[in-house]
Amino acid sequence: MSDALRPSDERCRVRWDDRKGFVRLVIRMGVPMVLAACPRADDLNDVQVCELTCSWRDRFHIPVPFLRDEGSGLRPRAIRLVLALSETIHPPAVHERNDLKTLVEPLHSRVVARMNERMQSVLDFEAGDPT
């Protein structure tokens, strides 16, 4: 939810430092993960920091963004979106429930680093550097 309400000045940033539930779930279920990076999706609308938005998020746990768009209405900008997929990331095997805690942090660090790399690769591609 906090990513849905990310203000426009934090565009193209991965804010997963404290978000580890998805990694725990992947390890627990033993399923592979593929990351999808689309940094320009943040440019569809301008999300403004607003007291009303913050109070709704804190009170009702509902992301209600305050958007400022070009023109009238809530129509998103017409921009080209480029998506970059990662290679398949396989979680380590869990043999005992106690092993889960020791496995989450290394995989989480790897996933966050890989997502940041994918985000940067899309930005580089769009800037004309296709490396």
C-alpha atoms as a PDB file:
ATOM      1  CA  MET A   1       0.000   0.000   0.000  1.00  0.00           C
ATOM      2  CA  SER A   2       2.812   2.446   0.715  1.00  0.00           C
ATOM      3  CA  ASP A   3       4.068   2.023  -2.856  1.00  0.00           C
ATOM      4  CA  ALA A   4       0.618   2.955  -4.148  1.00  0.00           C
ATOM      5  CA  LEU A   5       0.822   6.227  -2.220  1.00  0.00           C
ATOM      6  CA  ARG A   6       4.424   6.986  -3.036  1.00  0.00           C
ATOM      7  CA  PRO A   7       4.751  10.739  -3.700  1.00  0.00           C
ATOM      8  CA  SER A   8       5.934  11.850  -7.124  1.00  0.00           C
ATOM      9  CA  ASP A   9       9.332  12.950  -5.806  1.00  0.00           C
ATOM     10  CA  GLU A  10      10.085   9.290  -4.996  1.00  0.00           C
ATOM     11  CA  ARG A  11       9.519   8.026  -8.535  1.00  0.00           C
ATOM     12  CA  CYS A  12      11.451   5.006  -9.783  1.00  0.00           C
ATOM     13  CA  ARG A  13      12.543   3.959  -6.295  1.00  0.00           C
ATOM     14  CA  VAL A  14      12.066   0.509  -4.842  1.00  0.00           C
ATOM     15  CA  ARG A  15      10.947   0.860  -1.225  1.00  0.00           C
ATOM     16  CA  TRP A  16      11.081  -2.741  -0.084  1.00  0.00           C
ATOM     17  CA  ASP A  17      13.563  -2.464   2.788  1.00  0.00           C
ATOM     18  CA  ASP A  18      10.943  -3.326   5.403  1.00  0.00           C
ATOM     19  CA  ARG A  19       8.771  -5.461   3.105  1.00  0.00           C
ATOM     20  CA  LYS A  20       9.733  -9.094   3.531  1.00  0.00           C
ATOM     21  CA  GLY A  21       6.403 -10.913   3.571  1.00  0.00           C
ATOM     22  CA  PHE A  22       6.515 -11.691  -0.142  1.00  0.00           C
ATOM     23  CA  VAL A  23       9.961 -13.276   0.302  1.00  0.00           C
ATOM     24  CA  ARG A  24       8.755 -15.361   3.248  1.00  0.00           C
ATOM     25  CA  LEU A  25       5.808 -16.531   1.158  1.00  0.00           C
ATOM     26  CA  VAL A  26       8.011 -17.480  -1.802  1.00  0.00           C
ATOM     27  CA  ILE A  27      10.336 -19.474   0.454  1.00  0.00           C
ATOM     28  CA  ARG A  28       7.492 -21.116   2.359  1.00  0.00           C
ATOM     29  CA  MET A  29       5.664 -22.139  -0.828  1.00  0.00           C
ATOM     30  CA  GLY A  30       8.853 -23.089  -2.663  1.00  0.00           C
ATOM     31  CA  VAL A  31       7.831 -21.291  -5.850  1.00  0.00           C
ATOM     32  CA  PRO A  32      10.096 -19.301  -8.167  1.00  0.00           C
ATOM     33  CA  MET A  33       9.749 -15.555  -8.571  1.00  0.00           C
ATOM     34  CA  VAL A  34      10.065 -13.283 -11.610  1.00  0.00           C
ATOM     35  CA  LEU A  35      10.397  -9.549 -11.000  1.00  0.00           C
ATOM     36  CA  ALA A  36       8.761  -7.025 -13.322  1.00  0.00           C
ATOM     37  CA  ALA A  37      10.168  -3.486 -13.373  1.00  0.00           C
ATOM     38  CA  CYS A  38       8.253  -0.627 -14.980  1.00  0.00           C
ATOM     39  CA  PRO A  39       9.678   2.614 -13.576  1.00  0.00           C
ATOM     40  CA  ARG A  40       7.686   4.920 -15.850  1.00  0.00           C
ATOM     41  CA  ALA A  41       4.416   3.647 -14.381  1.00  0.00           C
ATOM     42  CA  ASP A  42       5.126   6.212 -11.665  1.00  0.00           C
ATOM     43  CA  ASP A  43       4.794   8.923 -14.328  1.00  0.00           C
ATOM     44  CA  LEU A  44       1.184   8.098 -15.229  1.00  0.00           C
ATOM     45  CA  ASN A  45      -0.080  10.492 -12.530  1.00  0.00           C
ATOM     46  CA  ASP A  46       1.403  12.947 -10.062  1.00  0.00           C
ATOM     47  CA  VAL A  47       0.697  11.696  -6.549  1.00  0.00           C
ATOM     48  CA  GLN A  48       0.634  14.625  -4.146  1.00  0.00           C
ATOM     49  CA  VAL A  49       1.372  14.315  -0.445  1.00  0.00           C
ATOM     50  CA  CYS A  50      -1.867  15.332   1.238  1.00  0.00           C
ATOM     51  CA  GLU A  51      -3.179  15.255   4.816  1.00  0.00           C
ATOM     52  CA  LEU A  52      -6.419  13.626   3.652  1.00  0.00           C
ATOM     53  CA  THR A  53      -4.554  10.842   1.856  1.00  0.00           C
ATOM     54  CA  CYS A  54      -2.361  10.173   4.887  1.00  0.00           C
ATOM     55  CA  SER A  55      -5.290  10.134   7.312  1.00  0.00           C
ATOM     56  CA  TRP A  56      -7.301   7.688   5.147  1.00  0.00           C
ATOM     57  CA  ARG A  57      -4.268   5.432   4.824  1.00  0.00           C
ATOM     58  CA  ASP A  58      -3.596   5.470   8.568  1.00  0.00           C
ATOM     59  CA  ARG A  59      -7.216   5.132   9.648  1.00  0.00           C
ATOM     60  CA  PHE A  60      -8.762   2.810   7.056  1.00  0.00           C
ATOM     61  CA  HIS A  61      -5.660   1.222   5.479  1.00  0.00           C
ATOM     62  CA  ILE A  62      -6.942   2.257   2.062  1.00  0.00           C
ATOM     63  CA  PRO A  63      -4.695   3.958  -0.483  1.00  0.00           C
ATOM     64  CA  VAL A  64      -6.613   7.022  -1.654  1.00  0.00           C
ATOM     65  CA  PRO A  65      -4.173   9.027  -3.767  1.00  0.00           C
ATOM     66  CA  PHE A  66      -4.582  12.723  -4.408  1.00  0.00           C
ATOM     67  CA  LEU A  67      -3.727  12.997  -8.095  1.00  0.00           C
ATOM     68  CA  ARG A  68      -2.838  16.012 -10.158  1.00  0.00           C
ATOM     69  CA  ASP A  69      -3.068  15.426 -13.880  1.00  0.00           C
ATOM     70  CA  GLU A  70      -2.649  17.389 -17.032  1.00  0.00           C
ATOM     71  CA  GLY A  71      -6.082  18.502 -18.082  1.00  0.00           C
ATOM     72  CA  SER A  72      -9.234  17.606 -16.239  1.00  0.00           C
ATOM     73  CA  GLY A  73     -10.325  14.382 -14.641  1.00  0.00           C
ATOM     74  CA  LEU A  74      -8.309  11.411 -13.501  1.00  0.00           C
ATOM     75  CA  ARG A  75      -7.107  10.339 -16.925  1.00  0.00           C
ATOM     76  CA  PRO A  76      -3.494   9.131 -16.766  1.00  0.00           C
ATOM     77  CA  ARG A  77      -0.854  10.594 -19.036  1.00  0.00           C
ATOM     78  CA  ALA A  78      -0.324   8.928 -22.392  1.00  0.00           C
ATOM     79  CA  ILE A  79       3.235   7.678 -21.991  1.00  0.00           C
ATOM     80  CA  ARG A  80       5.181   4.721 -23.308  1.00  0.00           C
ATOM     81  CA  LEU A  81       5.722   2.049 -20.671  1.00  0.00           C
ATOM     82  CA  VAL A  82       8.703  -0.294 -20.913  1.00  0.00           C
ATOM     83  CA  LEU A  83       8.700  -3.413 -18.765  1.00  0.00           C
ATOM     84  CA  ALA A  84      11.803  -5.397 -17.834  1.00  0.00           C
ATOM     85  CA  LEU A  85      11.480  -8.916 -16.464  1.00  0.00           C
ATOM     86  CA  SER A  86      14.152 -10.543 -14.356  1.00  0.00           C
ATOM     87  CA  GLU A  87      15.431 -14.043 -14.703  1.00  0.00           C
ATOM     88  CA  THR A  88      13.642 -16.620 -12.582  1.00  0.00           C
ATOM     89  CA  ILE A  89      14.765 -16.414  -8.961  1.00  0.00           C
ATOM     90  CA  HIS A  90      14.503 -19.735  -7.159  1.00  0.00           C
ATOM     91  CA  PRO A  91      14.111 -19.675  -3.376  1.00  0.00           C
ATOM     92  CA  PRO A  92      16.232 -21.888  -1.152  1.00  0.00           C
ATOM     93  CA  ALA A  93      14.639 -25.066   0.147  1.00  0.00           C
ATOM     94  CA  VAL A  94      13.215 -24.991   3.661  1.00  0.00           C
ATOM     95  CA  HIS A  95      13.633 -28.177   5.629  1.00  0.00           C
ATOM     96  CA  GLU A  96      12.428 -26.951   9.003  1.00  0.00           C
ATOM     97  CA  ARG A  97      10.216 -24.043   9.992  1.00  0.00           C
ATOM     98  CA  ASN A  98      13.081 -22.579  12.037  1.00  0.00           C
ATOM     99  CA  ASP A  99      15.194 -22.333   8.861  1.00  0.00           C
ATOM    100  CA  LEU A 100      12.810 -19.763   7.391  1.00  0.00           C
ATOM    101  CA  LYS A 101      14.120 -16.786   9.390  1.00  0.00           C
ATOM    102  CA  THR A 102      17.718 -17.385   8.365  1.00  0.00           C
ATOM    103  CA  LEU A 103      16.773 -17.686   4.680  1.00  0.00           C
ATOM    104  CA  VAL A 104      14.597 -14.570   4.334  1.00  0.00           C
ATOM    105  CA  GLU A 105      17.239 -11.847   4.689  1.00  0.00           C
ATOM    106  CA  PRO A 106      19.724 -13.119   2.065  1.00  0.00           C
ATOM    107  CA  LEU A 107      16.991 -13.746  -0.517  1.00  0.00           C
ATOM    108  CA  HIS A 108      15.336 -10.406   0.249  1.00  0.00           C
ATOM    109  CA  SER A 109      18.642  -8.572  -0.261  1.00  0.00           C
ATOM    110  CA  ARG A 110      19.171 -10.391  -3.555  1.00  0.00           C
ATOM    111  CA  VAL A 111      15.636  -9.614  -4.762  1.00  0.00           C
ATOM    112  CA  VAL A 112      15.834  -5.909  -3.846  1.00  0.00           C
ATOM    113  CA  ALA A 113      19.234  -5.568  -5.531  1.00  0.00           C
ATOM    114  CA  ARG A 114      17.956  -7.320  -8.655  1.00  0.00           C
ATOM    115  CA  MET A 115      14.839  -5.138  -8.796  1.00  0.00           C
ATOM    116  CA  ASN A 116      16.952  -1.988  -8.509  1.00  0.00           C
ATOM    117  CA  GLU A 117      19.145  -3.283 -11.359  1.00  0.00           C
ATOM    118  CA  ARG A 118      16.088  -3.964 -13.525  1.00  0.00           C
ATOM    119  CA  MET A 119      14.637  -0.515 -12.803  1.00  0.00           C
ATOM    120  CA  GLN A 120      17.945   1.114 -13.738  1.00  0.00           C
ATOM    121  CA  SER A 121      18.238  -0.994 -16.897  1.00  0.00           C
ATOM    122  CA  VAL A 122      14.860   0.293 -18.106  1.00  0.00           C
ATOM    123  CA  LEU A 123      15.831   3.891 -17.336  1.00  0.00           C
ATOM    124  CA  ASP A 124      19.146   3.409 -19.184  1.00  0.00           C
ATOM    125  CA  PHE A 125      17.346   1.849 -22.153  1.00  0.00           C
ATOM    126  CA  GLU A 126      14.935   4.760 -22.350  1.00  0.00           C
ATOM    127  CA  ALA A 127      17.828   7.223 -22.148  1.00  0.00           C
ATOM    128  CA  GLY A 128      19.436   5.558 -25.171  1.00  0.00           C
ATOM    129  CA  ASP A 129      21.962   3.334 -23.395  1.00  0.00           C
ATOM    130  CA  PRO A 130      20.712  -0.229 -24.081  1.00  0.00           C
ATOM    131  CA  THR A 131      23.298  -2.010 -21.897  1.00  0.00           C
END
